[in-house]
Protein backbone atom coordinates (compact mmCIF):
# COMPACT_ATOMS: atom_id res chain seq x y z
CA MET A 1 11.02 -15.46 57.92
CA TYR A 2 9.49 -13.66 55.05
CA ASP A 3 11.83 -12.49 52.48
CA TRP A 4 9.06 -10.14 51.04
CA LEU A 5 6.41 -8.69 52.39
CA ILE A 6 4.18 -7.01 49.76
CA VAL A 7 1.24 -4.49 50.69
CA GLY A 8 -1.16 -4.29 48.13
CA ALA A 9 -2.80 -7.31 46.14
CA GLY A 10 -3.64 -5.40 42.71
CA PHE A 11 -1.20 -5.83 39.79
CA ALA A 12 1.92 -4.19 41.00
CA GLY A 13 1.91 -6.11 43.91
CA SER A 14 0.53 -9.43 42.38
CA VAL A 15 2.80 -9.68 39.39
CA LEU A 16 6.02 -8.94 41.80
CA ALA A 17 4.81 -11.54 44.32
CA GLU A 18 4.62 -14.31 41.47
CA ARG A 19 7.75 -13.04 39.84
CA LEU A 20 9.70 -13.35 43.42
CA ALA A 21 8.41 -16.69 44.32
CA SER A 22 8.98 -18.74 41.04
CA GLN A 23 11.85 -16.68 39.55
CA ARG A 24 13.93 -16.29 42.97
CA ASN A 25 12.32 -19.07 45.14
CA GLU A 26 11.52 -16.80 47.93
CA ARG A 27 9.02 -16.78 50.35
CA VAL A 28 6.49 -13.74 49.97
CA LEU A 29 3.89 -12.58 52.22
CA LEU A 30 1.03 -10.23 50.47
CA ILE A 31 -1.26 -8.77 52.25
CA ASP A 32 -4.41 -6.28 51.41
CA ARG A 33 -6.50 -4.09 53.01
CA ARG A 34 -9.56 -5.13 51.08
CA ASN A 35 -11.55 -8.92 51.77
CA HIS A 36 -10.33 -10.19 48.06
CA VAL A 37 -6.84 -9.94 45.36
CA GLY A 38 -7.30 -8.04 42.19
CA GLY A 39 -7.23 -4.42 43.38
CA ASN A 40 -9.35 -2.48 41.67
CA ALA A 41 -9.32 -4.71 38.69
CA TYR A 42 -11.53 -7.47 40.92
CA ASP A 43 -14.69 -8.57 39.41
CA ARG A 44 -17.61 -11.49 40.72
CA TYR A 45 -20.54 -13.30 39.96
CA ASP A 46 -23.23 -11.08 41.29
CA GLU A 47 -26.54 -13.21 42.80
CA SER A 48 -27.99 -13.63 39.48
CA GLY A 49 -24.81 -15.19 38.19
CA LEU A 50 -23.52 -12.17 36.21
CA LEU A 51 -19.56 -11.65 35.95
CA ILE A 52 -19.58 -7.59 37.10
CA HIS A 53 -16.57 -5.96 37.42
CA GLN A 54 -16.97 -4.30 41.75
CA TYR A 55 -15.10 -1.11 40.75
CA GLY A 56 -15.95 0.07 37.39
CA PRO A 57 -14.88 -1.44 33.59
CA HIS A 58 -11.34 -2.69 33.26
CA ILE A 59 -10.09 -3.39 29.81
CA PHE A 60 -7.28 -4.29 28.77
CA HIS A 61 -5.35 -3.21 26.25
CA THR A 62 -1.81 -2.74 24.99
CA ASN A 63 0.79 -2.20 22.88
CA ALA A 64 3.86 -4.11 24.54
CA LYS A 65 3.96 -7.83 23.28
CA ALA A 66 6.00 -8.84 26.47
CA ILE A 67 3.24 -7.36 28.70
CA PHE A 68 0.24 -9.50 26.99
CA ASP A 69 2.82 -12.74 27.20
CA HIS A 70 3.41 -12.72 30.42
CA LEU A 71 -0.38 -12.27 31.39
CA SER A 72 -0.73 -15.03 29.25
CA LEU A 73 0.58 -16.73 31.65
CA PHE A 74 -2.23 -17.02 33.87
CA THR A 75 -4.98 -16.29 31.37
CA GLU A 76 -6.46 -17.28 28.10
CA TRP A 77 -8.36 -14.50 26.57
CA ARG A 78 -11.26 -13.45 24.58
CA PRO A 79 -10.79 -10.58 22.10
CA TYR A 80 -12.22 -7.38 22.46
CA GLU A 81 -12.41 -4.28 21.20
CA HIS A 82 -13.90 -1.70 23.17
CA ARG A 83 -16.47 0.83 22.09
CA VAL A 84 -17.73 4.28 23.83
CA LEU A 85 -20.90 6.05 23.07
CA ALA A 86 -21.61 9.82 24.44
CA ALA A 87 -25.05 10.87 25.31
CA VAL A 88 -24.60 14.32 23.44
CA ASP A 89 -27.81 16.40 22.73
CA GLY A 90 -30.24 13.97 22.50
CA LYS A 91 -28.10 11.67 20.61
CA LEU A 92 -25.75 8.74 21.10
CA VAL A 93 -22.87 9.12 19.20
CA PRO A 94 -19.06 7.72 19.22
CA ILE A 95 -16.41 8.98 21.74
CA PRO A 96 -13.54 9.70 20.68
CA ILE A 97 -14.99 12.04 18.35
CA ASN A 98 -14.61 10.85 14.90
CA LEU A 99 -16.03 11.39 11.13
CA ASP A 100 -19.62 9.72 12.31
CA THR A 101 -19.57 11.98 15.40
CA VAL A 102 -19.65 15.15 13.79
CA ASN A 103 -21.62 14.21 10.99
CA THR A 104 -24.34 12.56 13.28
CA LEU A 105 -24.64 15.33 15.57
CA TYR A 106 -24.78 18.25 13.32
CA ASP A 107 -26.61 16.13 10.22
CA LEU A 108 -23.91 17.05 7.68
CA ASP A 109 -22.13 14.23 5.32
CA LEU A 110 -18.41 15.00 5.48
CA THR A 111 -16.02 13.26 4.67
CA SER A 112 -12.75 12.41 6.35
CA GLU A 113 -10.96 15.50 4.30
CA GLN A 114 -13.67 17.73 4.99
CA LEU A 115 -13.43 16.98 8.37
CA GLU A 116 -10.07 18.28 8.95
CA GLY A 117 -10.75 21.54 7.48
CA TRP A 118 -14.06 21.40 10.19
CA PHE A 119 -12.03 20.40 12.42
CA ALA A 120 -8.80 23.17 11.22
CA GLU A 121 -11.44 26.54 11.17
CA ARG A 122 -13.43 25.76 15.11
CA ALA A 123 -9.91 24.89 16.14
CA GLU A 124 -8.66 27.94 19.03
CA LYS A 125 -4.65 29.03 19.04
CA VAL A 126 -2.90 27.98 21.82
CA ASP A 127 0.77 29.23 22.06
CA GLU A 128 1.53 26.80 24.74
CA ILE A 129 -0.59 24.01 25.81
CA LYS A 130 -0.78 23.23 29.38
CA THR A 131 -4.26 22.35 31.01
CA SER A 132 -6.57 19.51 29.37
CA GLU A 133 -8.96 22.41 28.01
CA ASP A 134 -6.02 23.69 25.78
CA VAL A 135 -5.73 20.00 24.69
CA VAL A 136 -9.24 20.44 23.62
CA VAL A 137 -9.58 23.47 22.23
CA SER A 138 -6.91 23.35 20.13
CA ALA A 139 -7.54 19.90 18.41
CA VAL A 140 -11.76 20.30 17.83
CA GLY A 141 -12.74 23.80 19.17
CA ARG A 142 -14.34 25.12 21.89
CA GLU A 143 -18.08 23.91 20.82
CA LEU A 144 -17.49 20.50 21.10
CA TYR A 145 -15.32 21.03 24.20
CA GLU A 146 -18.33 21.99 26.05
CA LYS A 147 -20.38 19.15 24.45
CA PHE A 148 -18.15 16.67 25.46
CA PHE A 149 -15.47 17.37 28.16
CA ARG A 150 -16.13 20.43 30.19
CA GLY A 151 -19.53 18.77 31.67
CA TYR A 152 -17.95 15.12 32.06
CA THR A 153 -14.34 16.48 33.33
CA ARG A 154 -16.17 18.66 36.20
CA LYS A 155 -18.18 15.58 37.27
CA GLN A 156 -15.04 13.40 37.24
CA TRP A 157 -12.64 15.37 39.16
CA GLY A 158 -14.92 18.40 40.76
CA LEU A 159 -12.64 20.55 38.88
CA ASP A 160 -12.97 22.65 35.30
CA PRO A 161 -10.67 21.30 32.68
CA SER A 162 -8.96 24.60 33.04
CA GLU A 163 -7.34 23.48 36.46
CA LEU A 164 -5.96 20.63 35.09
CA ASP A 165 -2.70 18.88 33.43
CA LYS A 166 -3.27 18.68 30.03
CA SER A 167 -2.71 14.53 30.60
CA VAL A 168 -6.38 14.31 31.10
CA THR A 169 -7.76 15.07 28.15
CA ALA A 170 -4.47 13.79 26.15
CA ARG A 171 -5.40 9.97 26.32
CA VAL A 172 -8.62 10.47 24.67
CA PRO A 173 -7.66 11.08 21.05
CA THR A 174 -9.77 12.51 18.13
CA ARG A 175 -10.15 11.38 14.38
CA THR A 176 -11.42 12.16 11.50
CA ASN A 177 -11.74 8.56 10.02
CA ARG A 178 -14.84 5.77 10.92
CA ASP A 179 -12.86 4.12 12.97
CA ASP A 180 -14.91 3.86 16.74
CA ARG A 181 -13.08 1.33 19.06
CA TYR A 182 -12.14 3.62 21.96
CA PHE A 183 -8.53 2.03 22.07
CA GLY A 184 -6.02 1.46 19.35
CA ASP A 185 -3.70 -0.70 20.63
CA GLU A 186 -2.52 -3.81 18.78
CA PHE A 187 -3.42 -6.10 21.91
CA GLN A 188 -7.09 -5.97 22.90
CA PHE A 189 -8.42 -8.46 24.78
CA MET A 190 -10.39 -10.02 28.29
CA PRO A 191 -9.34 -12.56 30.61
CA LYS A 192 -11.31 -15.23 29.60
CA HIS A 193 -12.07 -16.43 32.52
CA GLY A 194 -12.20 -12.90 34.34
CA TYR A 195 -9.48 -10.94 36.19
CA THR A 196 -10.27 -12.51 40.01
CA ARG A 197 -9.39 -15.57 38.43
CA MET A 198 -6.15 -14.72 36.37
CA PHE A 199 -4.76 -13.43 39.68
CA GLU A 200 -5.74 -16.85 41.64
CA ARG A 201 -3.56 -18.27 39.51
CA MET A 202 -0.85 -16.15 39.39
CA LEU A 203 -0.53 -16.23 43.54
CA ALA A 204 -1.12 -19.75 43.59
CA HIS A 205 2.31 -20.64 44.42
CA PRO A 206 3.36 -22.73 47.35
CA ASN A 207 6.45 -19.43 48.23
CA ILE A 208 3.35 -17.08 48.23
CA ASP A 209 1.62 -16.50 51.21
CA VAL A 210 -1.95 -14.20 50.58
CA MET A 211 -3.86 -12.50 53.64
CA THR A 212 -6.66 -10.42 52.75
CA GLN A 213 -8.51 -7.57 55.51
CA THR A 214 -5.09 -7.01 56.52
CA GLU A 215 -3.28 -3.56 57.46
CA TYR A 216 -0.05 -2.81 57.05
CA ASP A 217 0.53 -1.03 60.24
CA ASP A 218 -1.11 -4.42 61.93
CA VAL A 219 2.04 -7.11 60.53
CA ARG A 220 4.72 -4.57 59.94
CA ASP A 221 6.52 -5.28 63.04
CA VAL A 222 4.79 -8.96 63.89
CA ILE A 223 5.29 -10.64 61.05
CA PRO A 224 9.60 -10.82 60.24
CA HIS A 225 10.28 -9.87 56.98
CA ARG A 226 13.50 -8.74 55.15
CA ARG A 227 12.36 -6.33 52.64
CA LEU A 228 8.88 -4.41 51.91
CA ILE A 229 7.10 -3.51 48.54
CA PHE A 230 4.27 -0.88 48.94
CA THR A 231 1.92 -0.15 46.41
CA GLY A 232 -0.69 1.55 48.61
CA PRO A 233 -0.31 5.76 48.84
CA ILE A 234 3.16 6.87 49.29
CA ASP A 235 1.87 9.61 51.66
CA GLU A 236 0.02 6.84 53.64
CA TYR A 237 3.84 5.08 54.24
CA PHE A 238 4.89 8.06 55.46
CA ASP A 239 2.13 8.67 58.14
CA PHE A 240 1.21 11.94 55.82
CA ARG A 241 4.39 13.65 57.17
CA PHE A 242 3.31 16.74 54.39
CA GLY A 243 0.19 16.44 54.55
CA LYS A 244 -2.67 13.78 52.16
CA LEU A 245 -1.97 13.75 48.11
CA PRO A 246 -5.43 14.63 47.04
CA TYR A 247 -7.63 11.94 44.98
CA ARG A 248 -10.55 11.58 43.20
CA SER A 249 -12.82 8.52 44.40
CA LEU A 250 -15.35 6.82 42.81
CA ARG A 251 -19.25 5.59 43.92
CA PHE A 252 -20.68 2.75 41.86
CA GLU A 253 -23.73 1.71 41.72
CA HIS A 254 -24.57 -2.01 40.57
CA VAL A 255 -28.23 -2.98 39.03
CA THR A 256 -29.48 -5.91 37.95
CA LEU A 257 -32.42 -5.91 35.38
CA ASP A 258 -34.42 -8.54 33.94
CA GLN A 259 -33.79 -7.89 30.36
CA PRO A 260 -31.47 -9.13 27.86
CA ARG A 261 -29.48 -5.94 26.85
CA PHE A 262 -29.75 -2.27 28.19
CA GLN A 263 -27.72 -0.30 26.20
CA GLU A 264 -25.81 -0.69 22.50
CA VAL A 265 -22.56 -0.95 24.09
CA ALA A 266 -20.54 -2.03 27.06
CA VAL A 267 -20.29 1.56 28.16
CA VAL A 268 -22.34 4.92 27.58
CA ASN A 269 -20.96 8.37 28.57
CA TYR A 270 -23.31 11.14 30.10
CA PRO A 271 -21.36 14.65 29.69
CA GLN A 272 -24.72 16.88 29.85
CA THR A 273 -26.59 15.32 32.28
CA ASN A 274 -27.09 12.96 35.89
CA GLU A 275 -24.91 12.96 38.62
CA TYR A 276 -23.31 9.55 37.10
CA THR A 277 -20.79 9.96 34.27
CA ARG A 278 -21.12 6.68 33.10
CA ILE A 279 -22.63 3.40 33.13
CA THR A 280 -21.44 -0.15 32.22
CA GLU A 281 -23.31 -3.20 30.83
CA TYR A 282 -20.95 -5.99 31.51
CA LYS A 283 -22.17 -8.64 28.69
CA TYR A 284 -20.18 -6.77 26.07
CA LEU A 285 -17.34 -7.45 28.27
CA THR A 286 -17.39 -11.29 29.03
CA GLY A 287 -19.26 -12.59 26.37
CA GLN A 288 -22.33 -14.17 29.11
CA GLU A 289 -25.06 -15.18 27.62
CA HIS A 290 -27.46 -14.70 30.64
CA PRO A 291 -30.95 -14.06 30.33
CA LYS A 292 -30.57 -10.90 32.60
CA THR A 293 -27.70 -8.16 32.34
CA ALA A 294 -25.63 -6.08 34.83
CA LEU A 295 -24.67 -2.42 35.40
CA THR A 296 -22.85 0.24 36.80
CA PHE A 297 -23.86 3.50 37.42
CA GLU A 298 -20.44 5.16 38.40
CA ILE A 299 -20.34 8.38 40.69
CA PRO A 300 -17.39 10.62 41.04
CA SER A 301 -17.04 11.34 44.77
CA ALA A 302 -14.36 13.29 46.69
CA GLU A 303 -14.81 11.24 49.33
CA GLY A 304 -13.65 7.34 49.55
CA ASP A 305 -10.91 4.79 48.45
CA PRO A 306 -8.29 7.14 46.66
CA TYR A 307 -9.03 6.05 42.35
CA TYR A 308 -7.36 8.91 40.44
CA PRO A 309 -3.98 11.37 41.42
CA ILE A 310 -5.43 14.93 40.58
CA PRO A 311 -2.93 15.98 38.17
CA LYS A 312 -1.95 19.62 39.41
CA PRO A 313 1.61 21.62 39.65
CA GLU A 314 0.97 21.67 43.52
CA ASN A 315 0.03 17.87 44.09
CA GLN A 316 3.04 17.10 41.90
CA GLU A 317 5.53 19.17 44.39
CA LEU A 318 3.44 17.51 47.03
CA PHE A 319 4.62 14.22 45.45
CA LYS A 320 8.20 15.74 45.13
CA LYS A 321 8.49 15.62 49.09
CA TYR A 322 7.42 11.89 49.14
CA GLU A 323 9.16 10.47 46.20
CA LYS A 324 12.52 12.04 48.30
CA LEU A 325 11.78 10.05 51.50
CA ALA A 326 11.28 7.02 49.88
CA LEU A 327 14.24 7.11 47.61
CA ALA A 328 16.01 7.79 51.18
CA THR A 329 14.20 4.56 52.32
CA PRO A 330 16.24 1.83 52.19
CA ASN A 331 14.44 -2.02 51.78
CA VAL A 332 11.82 -0.68 50.62
CA TRP A 333 10.65 -0.37 46.84
CA PHE A 334 7.49 1.76 45.92
CA VAL A 335 5.56 0.98 42.86
CA GLY A 336 1.80 1.28 41.27
CA ARG A 337 -0.63 4.25 40.84
CA LEU A 338 -0.93 5.21 44.27
CA ALA A 339 2.64 4.82 45.67
CA THR A 340 4.05 6.83 42.44
CA TYR A 341 0.96 9.10 42.04
CA ARG A 342 0.65 8.80 38.48
CA TYR A 343 -2.20 7.30 36.49
CA TYR A 344 -1.66 3.97 34.67
CA ASN A 345 -2.88 1.96 32.75
CA MET A 346 -2.92 -1.95 33.85
CA ASP A 347 -0.36 -2.34 31.10
CA GLN A 348 1.61 0.23 32.25
CA ILE A 349 1.42 -1.49 35.76
CA VAL A 350 2.58 -4.81 34.93
CA GLY A 351 5.84 -3.27 32.72
CA GLN A 352 6.81 -1.22 35.96
CA ALA A 353 6.48 -3.67 37.99
CA LEU A 354 8.23 -6.57 35.54
CA ALA A 355 10.45 -3.66 35.10
CA THR A 356 11.27 -3.28 39.29
CA PHE A 357 11.89 -7.07 39.26
CA ARG A 358 14.65 -6.81 36.99
CA ARG A 359 16.03 -3.84 39.26
CA ILE A 360 15.71 -6.00 42.27
CA ASN A 361 17.52 -9.18 40.34
CA GLU A 362 20.54 -6.71 39.52
CA SER A 363 20.75 -5.02 42.96
CA ILE A 364 19.96 -8.05 45.33
CA PRO A 365 21.50 -11.58 45.07
CA ILE A 366 19.39 -14.86 45.60
CA SER A 367 19.82 -15.30 49.01
CA GLY A 368 18.04 -16.95 51.98
CA ASP A 369 19.87 -15.64 54.87
CA GLY A 370 21.87 -12.80 54.42
CA PRO A 371 21.14 -8.99 55.91
CA ALA A 372 18.75 -6.81 54.26
CA VAL A 373 20.44 -5.11 51.13
CA ALA A 374 19.18 -1.55 49.94
CA HIS A 375 18.60 -1.43 46.47
CA ALA A 376 21.42 0.26 44.32
CA SER A 377 18.81 2.22 42.08
CA PRO A 378 15.45 3.79 42.46
CA PRO A 379 12.52 1.16 42.13
CA ALA A 380 11.69 1.33 38.58
CA ALA A 381 8.43 3.41 39.34
CA LEU A 382 9.75 6.03 41.01
CA ALA A 383 12.93 6.43 38.25
CA SER A 384 10.17 6.95 35.48
């Protein structure tokens, strides 16, 4: 008899598995339908010995020291500040938009103070910012919106920014200085030996058993367990009772080149041309020395594994129906991006998992043989 069955071996499931095993001394079975642990953060060595991210670039960044300290139990770190260029009007310019972006694109020599006025002259008044289009045009105007955001968003989401919630483009700041870092967080690092190694260390506890290439439906009624943590799609758990929640998917084309470098930075975005949204070159992320280099071309798709919940009001309304079911389901905790139908960064998922563990401790006594106890409060993921 397992104390816990955890579905999904990404950050949410793996963090919880380790905490339950090491801090409560409980037996955990962790399963995943893929053939590996690590979820979308899984990395591997290709046939040339280059470390690549199977599901596109994953850059760790956080302002939460507690989250950084927790993951530091399972990995050493390599300092890394992420930089991205965008191919716009035949030039490579920094994204997020900053002083150098505008000066390079328009052959200007503005100062930071002048750029503030330059943006203000072009910004459009929006009475209430509701959509992703509103966010950008109200800050930098329609021309930069068209050059940097509209085409990229249409490719990424299959929708115009005017149809998407403001949260999509609000994630990308606009700067008037020359800071070309993609993130401004205090802690910006990459796992020194890769994400997969970190997950393997996290799960190397005698109380944890791992089964990959395993479907939940194949074990739910076969392997005895007292409680369940579900990190997969919440609509799938409830057999799509109200219909499928819409997701955006991705295809990845991995290429190895017989040359040491391909581009100037780890990621180059393509908002105006090509079917792919970006090209990633991994040696910038990993720091690996190698005579060859590995790239990934990222192509958005309507079909495939669920990656991004589509942020539209009607989709949230549908999710709320599933959330109501989830909160009324005893002994099951729904945690993570797919289970809560929200886009979260990796550090947010770790924080969510740790908060869920605290709630479990508050509501379930540490006991090996007692009957299952329903959680007294909703899991942190659904309470947020």
